[in-house]
Structures are given as C-alpha cells and as structure tokens.
Amino acid sequence: MRLPMKPSTLRHGLNLWPPFLFTGIHVTAIARDWRHARVELRMRPWNRNYVGTHFGGSLFAMTDPF
C-alpha cells in the first residue's frame, strides 16, 4: 500500500504551520511507520507564563495535532 505523503514531508509542513512556527514548537521526527512523533518546545519569552514555566496553551498546541 502506498501512502500519500512521506513523514518527512509532513514534518517540514508542520514546522512551517503558523501555530507551530510562531509559538516555537518544532517537530524533530516522525516515525516511518507513522506511530510516533517527537516534538520540542523551546522556552521563549512568548511561551513562558508568569512563574517562568511553559504556558499550558503552548503545551496543548504542541500535542493536539498528534
């Protein structure tokens, strides 16, 4: 069975997707069999809450599409 898209193509597209691009979310890997993805959220001033940890909305946005 031929899949319509390669995981690397989706990874590059997700990294350019505005909700990921502007919040600092980076998809580092998607498995060849599509079973798992590795996603990073680097600490930036725009995704930090008032106590200095990651904002919960950014954490949810990081995992929602998967």
C-alpha atoms as a PDB file:
ATOM      1  CA  MET A   1       0.000   0.000   0.000  1.00  0.00           C
ATOM      2  CA  ARG A   2       1.428   3.371  -0.982  1.00  0.00           C
ATOM      3  CA  LEU A   3       0.967   6.187   1.499  1.00  0.00           C
ATOM      4  CA  PRO A   4       0.046   9.584   0.033  1.00  0.00           C
ATOM      5  CA  MET A   5       2.721  11.514   1.944  1.00  0.00           C
ATOM      6  CA  LYS A   6       6.126  10.771   3.439  1.00  0.00           C
ATOM      7  CA  PRO A   7       6.642  11.519   7.147  1.00  0.00           C
ATOM      8  CA  SER A   8       9.476  13.925   6.358  1.00  0.00           C
ATOM      9  CA  THR A   9       7.180  15.968   4.101  1.00  0.00           C
ATOM     10  CA  LEU A  10       4.594  16.265   6.857  1.00  0.00           C
ATOM     11  CA  ARG A  11       7.325  17.177   9.379  1.00  0.00           C
ATOM     12  CA  HIS A  12       8.554  20.053   7.210  1.00  0.00           C
ATOM     13  CA  GLY A  13       4.998  21.234   6.602  1.00  0.00           C
ATOM     14  CA  LEU A  14       4.137  21.190  10.302  1.00  0.00           C
ATOM     15  CA  ASN A  15       7.265  23.169  11.136  1.00  0.00           C
ATOM     16  CA  LEU A  16       6.049  25.902   8.752  1.00  0.00           C
ATOM     17  CA  TRP A  17       2.443  25.781  10.023  1.00  0.00           C
ATOM     18  CA  PRO A  18       1.769  29.185  11.686  1.00  0.00           C
ATOM     19  CA  PRO A  19       0.521  27.852  15.064  1.00  0.00           C
ATOM     20  CA  PHE A  20       3.772  25.887  15.409  1.00  0.00           C
ATOM     21  CA  LEU A  21       6.060  28.413  13.740  1.00  0.00           C
ATOM     22  CA  PHE A  22       5.055  31.365  15.930  1.00  0.00           C
ATOM     23  CA  THR A  23       4.947  29.506  19.248  1.00  0.00           C
ATOM     24  CA  GLY A  24       8.396  27.915  18.969  1.00  0.00           C
ATOM     25  CA  ILE A  25       7.140  24.345  18.518  1.00  0.00           C
ATOM     26  CA  HIS A  26       9.438  22.170  16.405  1.00  0.00           C
ATOM     27  CA  VAL A  27       8.669  18.686  15.071  1.00  0.00           C
ATOM     28  CA  THR A  28      12.026  16.899  15.137  1.00  0.00           C
ATOM     29  CA  ALA A  29      10.979  13.442  13.904  1.00  0.00           C
ATOM     30  CA  ILE A  30       8.045  11.403  12.685  1.00  0.00           C
ATOM     31  CA  ALA A  31       8.445   7.640  12.553  1.00  0.00           C
ATOM     32  CA  ARG A  32       8.488   5.967   9.151  1.00  0.00           C
ATOM     33  CA  ASP A  33       5.518   3.837  10.209  1.00  0.00           C
ATOM     34  CA  TRP A  34       3.628   6.941  11.493  1.00  0.00           C
ATOM     35  CA  ARG A  35       3.345   5.504  15.020  1.00  0.00           C
ATOM     36  CA  HIS A  36       5.108   8.264  16.932  1.00  0.00           C
ATOM     37  CA  ALA A  37       6.388  11.805  16.605  1.00  0.00           C
ATOM     38  CA  ARG A  38       8.988  13.760  18.553  1.00  0.00           C
ATOM     39  CA  VAL A  39       8.089  17.386  19.209  1.00  0.00           C
ATOM     40  CA  GLU A  40      10.080  20.055  21.084  1.00  0.00           C
ATOM     41  CA  LEU A  41       9.023  23.319  22.657  1.00  0.00           C
ATOM     42  CA  ARG A  42      11.918  25.584  23.486  1.00  0.00           C
ATOM     43  CA  MET A  43      11.476  28.127  26.264  1.00  0.00           C
ATOM     44  CA  ARG A  44      10.942  31.563  24.745  1.00  0.00           C
ATOM     45  CA  PRO A  45       9.605  34.810  26.241  1.00  0.00           C
ATOM     46  CA  TRP A  46       6.332  34.434  24.273  1.00  0.00           C
ATOM     47  CA  ASN A  47       5.575  30.924  25.609  1.00  0.00           C
ATOM     48  CA  ARG A  48       6.577  31.464  29.249  1.00  0.00           C
ATOM     49  CA  ASN A  49       3.998  32.062  31.962  1.00  0.00           C
ATOM     50  CA  TYR A  50       4.329  34.335  34.982  1.00  0.00           C
ATOM     51  CA  VAL A  51       6.153  31.751  37.140  1.00  0.00           C
ATOM     52  CA  GLY A  52       8.761  31.026  34.434  1.00  0.00           C
ATOM     53  CA  THR A  53       7.489  27.699  33.085  1.00  0.00           C
ATOM     54  CA  HIS A  54       5.909  26.794  29.760  1.00  0.00           C
ATOM     55  CA  PHE A  55       2.455  28.219  29.106  1.00  0.00           C
ATOM     56  CA  GLY A  56      -0.194  25.462  29.176  1.00  0.00           C
ATOM     57  CA  GLY A  57      -1.761  26.578  25.905  1.00  0.00           C
ATOM     58  CA  SER A  58       1.550  26.091  24.108  1.00  0.00           C
ATOM     59  CA  LEU A  59       1.917  22.621  25.618  1.00  0.00           C
ATOM     60  CA  PHE A  60      -1.575  21.685  24.467  1.00  0.00           C
ATOM     61  CA  ALA A  61      -0.941  23.120  20.979  1.00  0.00           C
ATOM     62  CA  MET A  62       2.221  21.025  20.792  1.00  0.00           C
ATOM     63  CA  THR A  63       0.362  17.742  21.282  1.00  0.00           C
ATOM     64  CA  ASP A  64      -3.107  18.479  19.820  1.00  0.00           C
ATOM     65  CA  PRO A  65      -2.483  17.545  16.134  1.00  0.00           C
ATOM     66  CA  PHE A  66      -0.952  14.200  17.073  1.00  0.00           C
END
